[in-house]
Amino acid sequence: MSEPLDYIKLASNKPKGKRPYFHDDPAVERVLNITMAVAGELAVMRERMDSIERLLETRGVLTREEIENFVPQDKTQEEQRQLWHAEYIGRILRIVQQEMEELQNPDKTLEEIANDINQM
């Protein structure tokens, strides 16, 4: 059996070179990146859920009300949801994870790090 995926580690994958920044304030850039990650995730999920709900209702399998009132029935279902949440948060907070890793293993010189700190 293969090892389970480490979604936090996968979320920290990044391309070579420096990250492009579009705002002078790194905090604004960080919040924008997080917000856009959430928006992308939400848009995809919303389209998929709409498709599923319409298909189920059209075929008489489930109503939207039954979907809204669903509660996980066992520990396995709850664990699967918790795993999904961990993966989701890993994707959303990817930029924060990458910045923490950069501080631990900087590709920058001490002078570049000092300049970054002074600009904050």
PDB file of N, CA and C in Angstrom:
ATOM      1  N   MET A   1       0.845  -1.181   0.000  1.00  0.00           N
ATOM      2  CA  MET A   1       0.000   0.000   0.000  1.00  0.00           C
ATOM      3  C   MET A   1       0.886   1.238   0.000  1.00  0.00           C
ATOM      4  N   SER A   2       0.529   2.236  -0.787  1.00  0.00           N
ATOM      5  CA  SER A   2       1.349   3.436  -0.888  1.00  0.00           C
ATOM      6  C   SER A   2       1.098   4.359   0.308  1.00  0.00           C
ATOM      7  N   GLU A   3       2.081   5.264   0.538  1.00  0.00           N
ATOM      8  CA  GLU A   3       1.968   6.221   1.630  1.00  0.00           C
ATOM      9  C   GLU A   3       0.855   7.217   1.332  1.00  0.00           C
ATOM     10  N   PRO A   4       0.159   7.682   2.369  1.00  0.00           N
ATOM     11  CA  PRO A   4      -0.856   8.709   2.120  1.00  0.00           C
ATOM     12  C   PRO A   4      -0.171  10.008   1.681  1.00  0.00           C
ATOM     13  N   LEU A   5      -0.876  10.773   0.867  1.00  0.00           N
ATOM     14  CA  LEU A   5      -0.328  12.027   0.373  1.00  0.00           C
ATOM     15  C   LEU A   5      -0.248  13.057   1.493  1.00  0.00           C
ATOM     16  N   ASP A   6       0.818  13.836   1.502  1.00  0.00           N
ATOM     17  CA  ASP A   6       0.972  14.932   2.446  1.00  0.00           C
ATOM     18  C   ASP A   6       0.521  16.200   1.737  1.00  0.00           C
ATOM     19  N   TYR A   7      -0.735  16.585   1.942  1.00  0.00           N
ATOM     20  CA  TYR A   7      -1.309  17.694   1.200  1.00  0.00           C
ATOM     21  C   TYR A   7      -0.693  19.032   1.583  1.00  0.00           C
ATOM     22  N   ILE A   8      -0.245  19.170   2.814  1.00  0.00           N
ATOM     23  CA  ILE A   8       0.416  20.413   3.224  1.00  0.00           C
ATOM     24  C   ILE A   8       1.735  20.547   2.459  1.00  0.00           C
ATOM     25  N   LYS A   9       2.473  19.466   2.358  1.00  0.00           N
ATOM     26  CA  LYS A   9       3.734  19.493   1.624  1.00  0.00           C
ATOM     27  C   LYS A   9       3.490  19.749   0.137  1.00  0.00           C
ATOM     28  N   LEU A  10       2.473  19.101  -0.431  1.00  0.00           N
ATOM     29  CA  LEU A  10       2.154  19.320  -1.839  1.00  0.00           C
ATOM     30  C   LEU A  10       1.744  20.766  -2.097  1.00  0.00           C
ATOM     31  N   ALA A  11       1.038  21.352  -1.153  1.00  0.00           N
ATOM     32  CA  ALA A  11       0.595  22.735  -1.325  1.00  0.00           C
ATOM     33  C   ALA A  11       1.768  23.697  -1.348  1.00  0.00           C
ATOM     34  N   SER A  12       2.906  23.274  -0.789  1.00  0.00           N
ATOM     35  CA  SER A  12       4.060  24.162  -0.753  1.00  0.00           C
ATOM     36  C   SER A  12       4.905  24.080  -2.023  1.00  0.00           C
ATOM     37  N   ASN A  13       4.537  23.211  -2.964  1.00  0.00           N
ATOM     38  CA  ASN A  13       5.261  23.160  -4.233  1.00  0.00           C
ATOM     39  C   ASN A  13       5.156  24.512  -4.919  1.00  0.00           C
ATOM     40  N   LYS A  14       6.256  24.952  -5.483  1.00  0.00           N
ATOM     41  CA  LYS A  14       6.241  26.246  -6.148  1.00  0.00           C
ATOM     42  C   LYS A  14       7.198  26.234  -7.324  1.00  0.00           C
ATOM     43  N   PRO A  15       6.945  27.113  -8.293  1.00  0.00           N
ATOM     44  CA  PRO A  15       7.843  27.184  -9.439  1.00  0.00           C
ATOM     45  C   PRO A  15       9.180  27.795  -9.038  1.00  0.00           C
ATOM     46  N   LYS A  16      10.175  27.594  -9.868  1.00  0.00           N
ATOM     47  CA  LYS A  16      11.502  28.169  -9.616  1.00  0.00           C
ATOM     48  C   LYS A  16      11.432  29.680  -9.777  1.00  0.00           C
ATOM     49  N   GLY A  17      12.338  30.368  -9.137  1.00  0.00           N
ATOM     50  CA  GLY A  17      12.387  31.821  -9.242  1.00  0.00           C
ATOM     51  C   GLY A  17      11.546  32.492  -8.179  1.00  0.00           C
ATOM     52  N   LYS A  18      11.596  33.811  -8.206  1.00  0.00           N
ATOM     53  CA  LYS A  18      10.867  34.585  -7.198  1.00  0.00           C
ATOM     54  C   LYS A  18       9.403  34.718  -7.568  1.00  0.00           C
ATOM     55  N   ARG A  19       8.564  34.758  -6.562  1.00  0.00           N
ATOM     56  CA  ARG A  19       7.124  34.942  -6.734  1.00  0.00           C
ATOM     57  C   ARG A  19       6.877  36.381  -7.194  1.00  0.00           C
ATOM     58  N   PRO A  20       6.043  36.563  -8.210  1.00  0.00           N
ATOM     59  CA  PRO A  20       5.712  37.933  -8.608  1.00  0.00           C
ATOM     60  C   PRO A  20       4.743  38.557  -7.599  1.00  0.00           C
ATOM     61  N   TYR A  21       5.009  39.775  -7.230  1.00  0.00           N
ATOM     62  CA  TYR A  21       4.117  40.513  -6.336  1.00  0.00           C
ATOM     63  C   TYR A  21       3.546  41.699  -7.078  1.00  0.00           C
ATOM     64  N   PHE A  22       2.273  42.001  -6.821  1.00  0.00           N
ATOM     65  CA  PHE A  22       1.575  43.056  -7.537  1.00  0.00           C
ATOM     66  C   PHE A  22       1.243  44.247  -6.650  1.00  0.00           C
ATOM     67  N   HIS A  23       1.439  44.113  -5.351  1.00  0.00           N
ATOM     68  CA  HIS A  23       1.169  45.196  -4.403  1.00  0.00           C
ATOM     69  C   HIS A  23       2.435  45.483  -3.610  1.00  0.00           C
ATOM     70  N   ASP A  24       2.549  46.712  -3.155  1.00  0.00           N
ATOM     71  CA  ASP A  24       3.719  47.095  -2.366  1.00  0.00           C
ATOM     72  C   ASP A  24       3.707  46.464  -0.979  1.00  0.00           C
ATOM     73  N   ASP A  25       2.530  46.258  -0.452  1.00  0.00           N
ATOM     74  CA  ASP A  25       2.397  45.711   0.899  1.00  0.00           C
ATOM     75  C   ASP A  25       2.280  44.186   0.825  1.00  0.00           C
ATOM     76  N   PRO A  26       3.259  43.455   1.386  1.00  0.00           N
ATOM     77  CA  PRO A  26       3.200  41.986   1.340  1.00  0.00           C
ATOM     78  C   PRO A  26       1.956  41.407   2.010  1.00  0.00           C
ATOM     79  N   ALA A  27       1.440  42.078   3.035  1.00  0.00           N
ATOM     80  CA  ALA A  27       0.240  41.572   3.708  1.00  0.00           C
ATOM     81  C   ALA A  27      -0.963  41.637   2.767  1.00  0.00           C
ATOM     82  N   VAL A  28      -1.072  42.700   1.991  1.00  0.00           N
ATOM     83  CA  VAL A  28      -2.161  42.819   1.019  1.00  0.00           C
ATOM     84  C   VAL A  28      -2.025  41.723  -0.031  1.00  0.00           C
ATOM     85  N   GLU A  29      -0.825  41.491  -0.475  1.00  0.00           N
ATOM     86  CA  GLU A  29      -0.566  40.450  -1.472  1.00  0.00           C
ATOM     87  C   GLU A  29      -0.961  39.077  -0.932  1.00  0.00           C
ATOM     88  N   ARG A  30      -0.621  38.812   0.309  1.00  0.00           N
ATOM     89  CA  ARG A  30      -0.931  37.523   0.945  1.00  0.00           C
ATOM     90  C   ARG A  30      -2.446  37.322   1.029  1.00  0.00           C
ATOM     91  N   VAL A  31      -3.155  38.353   1.499  1.00  0.00           N
ATOM     92  CA  VAL A  31      -4.610  38.256   1.622  1.00  0.00           C
ATOM     93  C   VAL A  31      -5.251  38.082   0.247  1.00  0.00           C
ATOM     94  N   LEU A  32      -4.745  38.786  -0.750  1.00  0.00           N
ATOM     95  CA  LEU A  32      -5.275  38.654  -2.102  1.00  0.00           C
ATOM     96  C   LEU A  32      -5.081  37.227  -2.615  1.00  0.00           C
ATOM     97  N   ASN A  33      -3.902  36.653  -2.399  1.00  0.00           N
ATOM     98  CA  ASN A  33      -3.647  35.282  -2.843  1.00  0.00           C
ATOM     99  C   ASN A  33      -4.573  34.288  -2.158  1.00  0.00           C
ATOM    100  N   ILE A  34      -4.762  34.453  -0.864  1.00  0.00           N
ATOM    101  CA  ILE A  34      -5.648  33.558  -0.121  1.00  0.00           C
ATOM    102  C   ILE A  34      -7.082  33.710  -0.624  1.00  0.00           C
ATOM    103  N   THR A  35      -7.512  34.953  -0.797  1.00  0.00           N
ATOM    104  CA  THR A  35      -8.868  35.219  -1.265  1.00  0.00           C
ATOM    105  C   THR A  35      -9.109  34.612  -2.645  1.00  0.00           C
ATOM    106  N   MET A  36      -8.154  34.751  -3.546  1.00  0.00           N
ATOM    107  CA  MET A  36      -8.312  34.211  -4.891  1.00  0.00           C
ATOM    108  C   MET A  36      -8.310  32.677  -4.872  1.00  0.00           C
ATOM    109  N   ALA A  37      -7.527  32.079  -3.984  1.00  0.00           N
ATOM    110  CA  ALA A  37      -7.550  30.614  -3.860  1.00  0.00           C
ATOM    111  C   ALA A  37      -8.919  30.138  -3.399  1.00  0.00           C
ATOM    112  N   VAL A  38      -9.479  30.833  -2.414  1.00  0.00           N
ATOM    113  CA  VAL A  38     -10.821  30.477  -1.914  1.00  0.00           C
ATOM    114  C   VAL A  38     -11.863  30.687  -3.006  1.00  0.00           C
ATOM    115  N   ALA A  39     -11.774  31.803  -3.716  1.00  0.00           N
ATOM    116  CA  ALA A  39     -12.744  32.096  -4.771  1.00  0.00           C
ATOM    117  C   ALA A  39     -12.699  31.026  -5.856  1.00  0.00           C
ATOM    118  N   GLY A  40     -11.516  30.606  -6.256  1.00  0.00           N
ATOM    119  CA  GLY A  40     -11.391  29.558  -7.274  1.00  0.00           C
ATOM    120  C   GLY A  40     -11.971  28.238  -6.808  1.00  0.00           C
ATOM    121  N   GLU A  41     -11.643  27.864  -5.590  1.00  0.00           N
ATOM    122  CA  GLU A  41     -12.179  26.623  -5.024  1.00  0.00           C
ATOM    123  C   GLU A  41     -13.701  26.678  -4.953  1.00  0.00           C
ATOM    124  N   LEU A  42     -14.221  27.788  -4.476  1.00  0.00           N
ATOM    125  CA  LEU A  42     -15.659  27.926  -4.316  1.00  0.00           C
ATOM    126  C   LEU A  42     -16.391  27.897  -5.655  1.00  0.00           C
ATOM    127  N   ALA A  43     -15.845  28.559  -6.660  1.00  0.00           N
ATOM    128  CA  ALA A  43     -16.490  28.587  -7.974  1.00  0.00           C
ATOM    129  C   ALA A  43     -16.597  27.181  -8.566  1.00  0.00           C
ATOM    130  N   VAL A  44     -15.521  26.426  -8.489  1.00  0.00           N
ATOM    131  CA  VAL A  44     -15.530  25.060  -9.019  1.00  0.00           C
ATOM    132  C   VAL A  44     -16.513  24.194  -8.238  1.00  0.00           C
ATOM    133  N   MET A  45     -16.478  24.293  -6.930  1.00  0.00           N
ATOM    134  CA  MET A  45     -17.368  23.487  -6.092  1.00  0.00           C
ATOM    135  C   MET A  45     -18.831  23.842  -6.337  1.00  0.00           C
ATOM    136  N   ARG A  46     -19.116  25.114  -6.484  1.00  0.00           N
ATOM    137  CA  ARG A  46     -20.496  25.541  -6.699  1.00  0.00           C
ATOM    138  C   ARG A  46     -21.052  24.993  -8.016  1.00  0.00           C
ATOM    139  N   GLU A  47     -20.252  25.033  -9.075  1.00  0.00           N
ATOM    140  CA  GLU A  47     -20.699  24.488 -10.362  1.00  0.00           C
ATOM    141  C   GLU A  47     -20.958  22.985 -10.263  1.00  0.00           C
ATOM    142  N   ARG A  48     -20.048  22.278  -9.616  1.00  0.00           N
ATOM    143  CA  ARG A  48     -20.211  20.826  -9.478  1.00  0.00           C
ATOM    144  C   ARG A  48     -21.448  20.483  -8.641  1.00  0.00           C
ATOM    145  N   MET A  49     -21.629  21.189  -7.539  1.00  0.00           N
ATOM    146  CA  MET A  49     -22.779  20.912  -6.681  1.00  0.00           C
ATOM    147  C   MET A  49     -24.088  21.216  -7.403  1.00  0.00           C
ATOM    148  N   ASP A  50     -24.120  22.290  -8.145  1.00  0.00           N
ATOM    149  CA  ASP A  50     -25.321  22.630  -8.902  1.00  0.00           C
ATOM    150  C   ASP A  50     -25.646  21.516  -9.895  1.00  0.00           C
ATOM    151  N   SER A  51     -24.636  21.027 -10.597  1.00  0.00           N
ATOM    152  CA  SER A  51     -24.842  19.936 -11.559  1.00  0.00           C
ATOM    153  C   SER A  51     -25.380  18.689 -10.863  1.00  0.00           C
ATOM    154  N   ILE A  52     -24.761  18.315  -9.775  1.00  0.00           N
ATOM    155  CA  ILE A  52     -25.168  17.107  -9.045  1.00  0.00           C
ATOM    156  C   ILE A  52     -26.595  17.249  -8.514  1.00  0.00           C
ATOM    157  N   GLU A  53     -26.885  18.375  -7.892  1.00  0.00           N
ATOM    158  CA  GLU A  53     -28.222  18.573  -7.342  1.00  0.00           C
ATOM    159  C   GLU A  53     -29.293  18.545  -8.426  1.00  0.00           C
ATOM    160  N   ARG A  54     -29.022  19.168  -9.552  1.00  0.00           N
ATOM    161  CA  ARG A  54     -30.001  19.173 -10.642  1.00  0.00           C
ATOM    162  C   ARG A  54     -30.207  17.772 -11.210  1.00  0.00           C
ATOM    163  N   LEU A  55     -29.128  17.015 -11.376  1.00  0.00           N
ATOM    164  CA  LEU A  55     -29.252  15.645 -11.893  1.00  0.00           C
ATOM    165  C   LEU A  55     -30.024  14.758 -10.921  1.00  0.00           C
ATOM    166  N   LEU A  56     -29.687  14.841  -9.649  1.00  0.00           N
ATOM    167  CA  LEU A  56     -30.376  14.017  -8.645  1.00  0.00           C
ATOM    168  C   LEU A  56     -31.859  14.353  -8.557  1.00  0.00           C
ATOM    169  N   GLU A  57     -32.164  15.634  -8.570  1.00  0.00           N
ATOM    170  CA  GLU A  57     -33.561  16.039  -8.476  1.00  0.00           C
ATOM    171  C   GLU A  57     -34.334  15.674  -9.749  1.00  0.00           C
ATOM    172  N   THR A  58     -33.733  15.889 -10.909  1.00  0.00           N
ATOM    173  CA  THR A  58     -34.377  15.552 -12.185  1.00  0.00           C
ATOM    174  C   THR A  58     -34.685  14.063 -12.270  1.00  0.00           C
ATOM    175  N   ARG A  59     -33.781  13.239 -11.759  1.00  0.00           N
ATOM    176  CA  ARG A  59     -33.967  11.782 -11.819  1.00  0.00           C
ATOM    177  C   ARG A  59     -34.782  11.249 -10.645  1.00  0.00           C
ATOM    178  N   GLY A  60     -35.214  12.118  -9.767  1.00  0.00           N
ATOM    179  CA  GLY A  60     -36.049  11.696  -8.645  1.00  0.00           C
ATOM    180  C   GLY A  60     -35.301  10.926  -7.581  1.00  0.00           C
ATOM    181  N   VAL A  61     -34.002  11.079  -7.513  1.00  0.00           N
ATOM    182  CA  VAL A  61     -33.197  10.348  -6.525  1.00  0.00           C
ATOM    183  C   VAL A  61     -33.235  11.051  -5.170  1.00  0.00           C
ATOM    184  N   LEU A  62     -32.970  12.340  -5.172  1.00  0.00           N
ATOM    185  CA  LEU A  62     -32.959  13.144  -3.945  1.00  0.00           C
ATOM    186  C   LEU A  62     -33.504  14.523  -4.254  1.00  0.00           C
ATOM    187  N   THR A  63     -34.029  15.162  -3.228  1.00  0.00           N
ATOM    188  CA  THR A  63     -34.428  16.559  -3.380  1.00  0.00           C
ATOM    189  C   THR A  63     -33.328  17.440  -2.791  1.00  0.00           C
ATOM    190  N   ARG A  64     -33.353  18.693  -3.156  1.00  0.00           N
ATOM    191  CA  ARG A  64     -32.363  19.626  -2.589  1.00  0.00           C
ATOM    192  C   ARG A  64     -32.551  19.754  -1.071  1.00  0.00           C
ATOM    193  N   GLU A  65     -33.757  19.620  -0.601  1.00  0.00           N
ATOM    194  CA  GLU A  65     -34.020  19.685   0.842  1.00  0.00           C
ATOM    195  C   GLU A  65     -33.326  18.525   1.573  1.00  0.00           C
ATOM    196  N   GLU A  66     -33.376  17.323   0.989  1.00  0.00           N
ATOM    197  CA  GLU A  66     -32.693  16.172   1.599  1.00  0.00           C
ATOM    198  C   GLU A  66     -31.180  16.399   1.642  1.00  0.00           C
ATOM    199  N   ILE A  67     -30.646  17.019   0.602  1.00  0.00           N
ATOM    200  CA  ILE A  67     -29.216  17.323   0.570  1.00  0.00           C
ATOM    201  C   ILE A  67     -28.864  18.322   1.667  1.00  0.00           C
ATOM    202  N   GLU A  68     -29.668  19.357   1.809  1.00  0.00           N
ATOM    203  CA  GLU A  68     -29.426  20.387   2.827  1.00  0.00           C
ATOM    204  C   GLU A  68     -29.459  19.805   4.244  1.00  0.00           C
ATOM    205  N   ASN A  69     -30.296  18.810   4.474  1.00  0.00           N
ATOM    206  CA  ASN A  69     -30.479  18.253   5.815  1.00  0.00           C
ATOM    207  C   ASN A  69     -29.598  17.039   6.116  1.00  0.00           C
ATOM    208  N   PHE A  70     -28.705  16.668   5.197  1.00  0.00           N
ATOM    209  CA  PHE A  70     -27.857  15.489   5.390  1.00  0.00           C
ATOM    210  C   PHE A  70     -26.898  15.678   6.567  1.00  0.00           C
ATOM    211  N   VAL A  71     -26.754  14.613   7.359  1.00  0.00           N
ATOM    212  CA  VAL A  71     -25.803  14.564   8.467  1.00  0.00           C
ATOM    213  C   VAL A  71     -24.980  13.289   8.287  1.00  0.00           C
ATOM    214  N   PRO A  72     -23.627  13.361   8.387  1.00  0.00           N
ATOM    215  CA  PRO A  72     -22.813  12.142   8.252  1.00  0.00           C
ATOM    216  C   PRO A  72     -23.311  11.044   9.187  1.00  0.00           C
ATOM    217  N   GLN A  73     -23.347   9.805   8.656  1.00  0.00           N
ATOM    218  CA  GLN A  73     -23.946   8.698   9.390  1.00  0.00           C
ATOM    219  C   GLN A  73     -22.963   7.872  10.210  1.00  0.00           C
ATOM    220  N   ASP A  74     -21.653   7.999   9.910  1.00  0.00           N
ATOM    221  CA  ASP A  74     -20.687   7.201  10.666  1.00  0.00           C
ATOM    222  C   ASP A  74     -19.340   7.915  10.737  1.00  0.00           C
ATOM    223  N   LYS A  75     -18.440   7.317  11.507  1.00  0.00           N
ATOM    224  CA  LYS A  75     -17.118   7.903  11.741  1.00  0.00           C
ATOM    225  C   LYS A  75     -16.309   8.024  10.450  1.00  0.00           C
ATOM    226  N   THR A  76     -16.434   7.063   9.543  1.00  0.00           N
ATOM    227  CA  THR A  76     -15.697   7.096   8.281  1.00  0.00           C
ATOM    228  C   THR A  76     -16.083   8.321   7.460  1.00  0.00           C
ATOM    229  N   GLN A  77     -17.367   8.593   7.374  1.00  0.00           N
ATOM    230  CA  GLN A  77     -17.818   9.769   6.630  1.00  0.00           C
ATOM    231  C   GLN A  77     -17.277  11.056   7.261  1.00  0.00           C
ATOM    232  N   GLU A  78     -17.287  11.126   8.575  1.00  0.00           N
ATOM    233  CA  GLU A  78     -16.753  12.305   9.261  1.00  0.00           C
ATOM    234  C   GLU A  78     -15.254  12.438   9.018  1.00  0.00           C
ATOM    235  N   GLU A  79     -14.514  11.330   9.057  1.00  0.00           N
ATOM    236  CA  GLU A  79     -13.070  11.361   8.813  1.00  0.00           C
ATOM    237  C   GLU A  79     -12.762  11.803   7.386  1.00  0.00           C
ATOM    238  N   GLN A  80     -13.550  11.336   6.423  1.00  0.00           N
ATOM    239  CA  GLN A  80     -13.353  11.753   5.038  1.00  0.00           C
ATOM    240  C   GLN A  80     -13.566  13.260   4.884  1.00  0.00           C
ATOM    241  N   ARG A  81     -14.561  13.778   5.560  1.00  0.00           N
ATOM    242  CA  ARG A  81     -14.800  15.221   5.514  1.00  0.00           C
ATOM    243  C   ARG A  81     -13.656  15.992   6.167  1.00  0.00           C
ATOM    244  N   GLN A  82     -13.146  15.488   7.276  1.00  0.00           N
ATOM    245  CA  GLN A  82     -12.024  16.151   7.946  1.00  0.00           C
ATOM    246  C   GLN A  82     -10.779  16.157   7.058  1.00  0.00           C
ATOM    247  N   LEU A  83     -10.532  15.053   6.355  1.00  0.00           N
ATOM    248  CA  LEU A  83      -9.400  14.990   5.430  1.00  0.00           C
ATOM    249  C   LEU A  83      -9.580  16.012   4.316  1.00  0.00           C
ATOM    250  N   TRP A  84     -10.788  16.113   3.783  1.00  0.00           N
ATOM    251  CA  TRP A  84     -11.054  17.095   2.737  1.00  0.00           C
ATOM    252  C   TRP A  84     -10.782  18.509   3.250  1.00  0.00           C
ATOM    253  N   HIS A  85     -11.214  18.782   4.474  1.00  0.00           N
ATOM    254  CA  HIS A  85     -10.986  20.109   5.060  1.00  0.00           C
ATOM    255  C   HIS A  85      -9.494  20.403   5.156  1.00  0.00           C
ATOM    256  N   ALA A  86      -8.703  19.433   5.583  1.00  0.00           N
ATOM    257  CA  ALA A  86      -7.247  19.625   5.696  1.00  0.00           C
ATOM    258  C   ALA A  86      -6.622  19.924   4.332  1.00  0.00           C
ATOM    259  N   GLU A  87      -7.046  19.191   3.321  1.00  0.00           N
ATOM    260  CA  GLU A  87      -6.538  19.421   1.966  1.00  0.00           C
ATOM    261  C   GLU A  87      -6.926  20.811   1.478  1.00  0.00           C
ATOM    262  N   TYR A  88      -8.150  21.183   1.726  1.00  0.00           N
ATOM    263  CA  TYR A  88      -8.683  22.473   1.290  1.00  0.00           C
ATOM    264  C   TYR A  88      -7.914  23.627   1.938  1.00  0.00           C
ATOM    265  N   ILE A  89      -7.742  23.557   3.242  1.00  0.00           N
ATOM    266  CA  ILE A  89      -7.010  24.603   3.956  1.00  0.00           C
ATOM    267  C   ILE A  89      -5.562  24.659   3.472  1.00  0.00           C
ATOM    268  N   GLY A  90      -4.972  23.497   3.172  1.00  0.00           N
ATOM    269  CA  GLY A  90      -3.610  23.474   2.636  1.00  0.00           C
ATOM    270  C   GLY A  90      -3.509  24.233   1.322  1.00  0.00           C
ATOM    271  N   ARG A  91      -4.498  24.063   0.462  1.00  0.00           N
ATOM    272  CA  ARG A  91      -4.487  24.776  -0.818  1.00  0.00           C
ATOM    273  C   ARG A  91      -4.705  26.270  -0.619  1.00  0.00           C
ATOM    274  N   ILE A  92      -5.611  26.635   0.266  1.00  0.00           N
ATOM    275  CA  ILE A  92      -5.929  28.038   0.483  1.00  0.00           C
ATOM    276  C   ILE A  92      -4.768  28.789   1.131  1.00  0.00           C
ATOM    277  N   LEU A  93      -4.152  28.178   2.107  1.00  0.00           N
ATOM    278  CA  LEU A  93      -3.068  28.843   2.836  1.00  0.00           C
ATOM    279  C   LEU A  93      -1.694  28.538   2.246  1.00  0.00           C
ATOM    280  N   ARG A  94      -1.665  28.131   1.004  1.00  0.00           N
ATOM    281  CA  ARG A  94      -0.427  27.773   0.311  1.00  0.00           C
ATOM    282  C   ARG A  94       0.623  28.877   0.401  1.00  0.00           C
ATOM    283  N   ILE A  95       0.247  30.129   0.179  1.00  0.00           N
ATOM    284  CA  ILE A  95       1.216  31.225   0.191  1.00  0.00           C
ATOM    285  C   ILE A  95       1.832  31.406   1.571  1.00  0.00           C
ATOM    286  N   VAL A  96       1.049  31.254   2.620  1.00  0.00           N
ATOM    287  CA  VAL A  96       1.583  31.392   3.972  1.00  0.00           C
ATOM    288  C   VAL A  96       2.598  30.285   4.243  1.00  0.00           C
ATOM    289  N   GLN A  97       2.270  29.053   3.850  1.00  0.00           N
ATOM    290  CA  GLN A  97       3.180  27.925   4.023  1.00  0.00           C
ATOM    291  C   GLN A  97       4.486  28.160   3.267  1.00  0.00           C
ATOM    292  N   GLN A  98       4.389  28.640   2.044  1.00  0.00           N
ATOM    293  CA  GLN A  98       5.584  28.885   1.241  1.00  0.00           C
ATOM    294  C   GLN A  98       6.456  29.972   1.853  1.00  0.00           C
ATOM    295  N   GLU A  99       5.834  31.022   2.364  1.00  0.00           N
ATOM    296  CA  GLU A  99       6.608  32.087   2.986  1.00  0.00           C
ATOM    297  C   GLU A  99       7.293  31.601   4.259  1.00  0.00           C
ATOM    298  N   MET A 100       6.630  30.755   5.034  1.00  0.00           N
ATOM    299  CA  MET A 100       7.258  30.195   6.227  1.00  0.00           C
ATOM    300  C   MET A 100       8.452  29.336   5.851  1.00  0.00           C
ATOM    301  N   GLU A 101       8.303  28.536   4.801  1.00  0.00           N
ATOM    302  CA  GLU A 101       9.411  27.692   4.353  1.00  0.00           C
ATOM    303  C   GLU A 101      10.570  28.530   3.832  1.00  0.00           C
ATOM    304  N   GLU A 102      10.253  29.614   3.160  1.00  0.00           N
ATOM    305  CA  GLU A 102      11.305  30.489   2.647  1.00  0.00           C
ATOM    306  C   GLU A 102      12.105  31.100   3.793  1.00  0.00           C
ATOM    307  N   LEU A 103      11.417  31.446   4.886  1.00  0.00           N
ATOM    308  CA  LEU A 103      12.123  31.983   6.047  1.00  0.00           C
ATOM    309  C   LEU A 103      13.031  30.937   6.678  1.00  0.00           C
ATOM    310  N   GLN A 104      12.616  29.666   6.635  1.00  0.00           N
ATOM    311  CA  GLN A 104      13.421  28.588   7.201  1.00  0.00           C
ATOM    312  C   GLN A 104      14.592  28.215   6.310  1.00  0.00           C
ATOM    313  N   ASN A 105      14.394  28.266   4.988  1.00  0.00           N
ATOM    314  CA  ASN A 105      15.432  27.928   4.014  1.00  0.00           C
ATOM    315  C   ASN A 105      15.464  29.001   2.931  1.00  0.00           C
ATOM    316  N   PRO A 106      15.947  30.180   3.283  1.00  0.00           N
ATOM    317  CA  PRO A 106      15.878  31.265   2.310  1.00  0.00           C
ATOM    318  C   PRO A 106      16.793  31.051   1.118  1.00  0.00           C
ATOM    319  N   ASP A 107      16.267  31.422  -0.052  1.00  0.00           N
ATOM    320  CA  ASP A 107      17.091  31.446  -1.259  1.00  0.00           C
ATOM    321  C   ASP A 107      17.749  32.813  -1.371  1.00  0.00           C
ATOM    322  N   LYS A 108      17.460  33.686  -0.414  1.00  0.00           N
ATOM    323  CA  LYS A 108      17.964  35.046  -0.425  1.00  0.00           C
ATOM    324  C   LYS A 108      19.166  35.183   0.499  1.00  0.00           C
ATOM    325  N   THR A 109      19.932  36.222   0.245  1.00  0.00           N
ATOM    326  CA  THR A 109      21.035  36.535   1.150  1.00  0.00           C
ATOM    327  C   THR A 109      20.460  37.206   2.386  1.00  0.00           C
ATOM    328  N   LEU A 110      21.245  37.304   3.442  1.00  0.00           N
ATOM    329  CA  LEU A 110      20.796  37.993   4.649  1.00  0.00           C
ATOM    330  C   LEU A 110      20.454  39.448   4.355  1.00  0.00           C
ATOM    331  N   GLU A 111      21.200  40.067   3.450  1.00  0.00           N
ATOM    332  CA  GLU A 111      20.928  41.455   3.085  1.00  0.00           C
ATOM    333  C   GLU A 111      19.558  41.591   2.415  1.00  0.00           C
ATOM    334  N   GLU A 112      19.211  40.667   1.524  1.00  0.00           N
ATOM    335  CA  GLU A 112      17.905  40.709   0.863  1.00  0.00           C
ATOM    336  C   GLU A 112      16.780  40.502   1.870  1.00  0.00           C
ATOM    337  N   ILE A 113      16.970  39.587   2.831  1.00  0.00           N
ATOM    338  CA  ILE A 113      15.963  39.352   3.866  1.00  0.00           C
ATOM    339  C   ILE A 113      15.792  40.616   4.718  1.00  0.00           C
ATOM    340  N   ALA A 114      16.905  41.248   5.112  1.00  0.00           N
ATOM    341  CA  ALA A 114      16.840  42.484   5.903  1.00  0.00           C
ATOM    342  C   ALA A 114      16.105  43.580   5.138  1.00  0.00           C
ATOM    343  N   ASN A 115      16.369  43.700   3.841  1.00  0.00           N
ATOM    344  CA  ASN A 115      15.676  44.704   3.027  1.00  0.00           C
ATOM    345  C   ASN A 115      14.175  44.420   2.971  1.00  0.00           C
ATOM    346  N   ASP A 116      13.813  43.140   2.839  1.00  0.00           N
ATOM    347  CA  ASP A 116      12.388  42.772   2.830  1.00  0.00           C
ATOM    348  C   ASP A 116      11.724  43.157   4.142  1.00  0.00           C
ATOM    349  N   ILE A 117      12.394  42.898   5.240  1.00  0.00           N
ATOM    350  CA  ILE A 117      11.833  43.206   6.562  1.00  0.00           C
ATOM    351  C   ILE A 117      11.686  44.715   6.718  1.00  0.00           C
ATOM    352  N   ASN A 118      12.677  45.467   6.288  1.00  0.00           N
ATOM    353  CA  ASN A 118      12.628  46.929   6.401  1.00  0.00           C
ATOM    354  C   ASN A 118      11.502  47.527   5.563  1.00  0.00           C
ATOM    355  N   GLN A 119      11.101  46.859   4.486  1.00  0.00           N
ATOM    356  CA  GLN A 119      10.045  47.368   3.625  1.00  0.00           C
ATOM    357  C   GLN A 119       8.659  47.078   4.187  1.00  0.00           C
ATOM    358  N   MET A 120       8.559  46.218   5.186  1.00  0.00           N
ATOM    359  CA  MET A 120       7.248  45.865   5.759  1.00  0.00           C
ATOM    360  C   MET A 120       6.700  46.970   6.621  1.00  0.00           C
TER     361      MET A 120
END
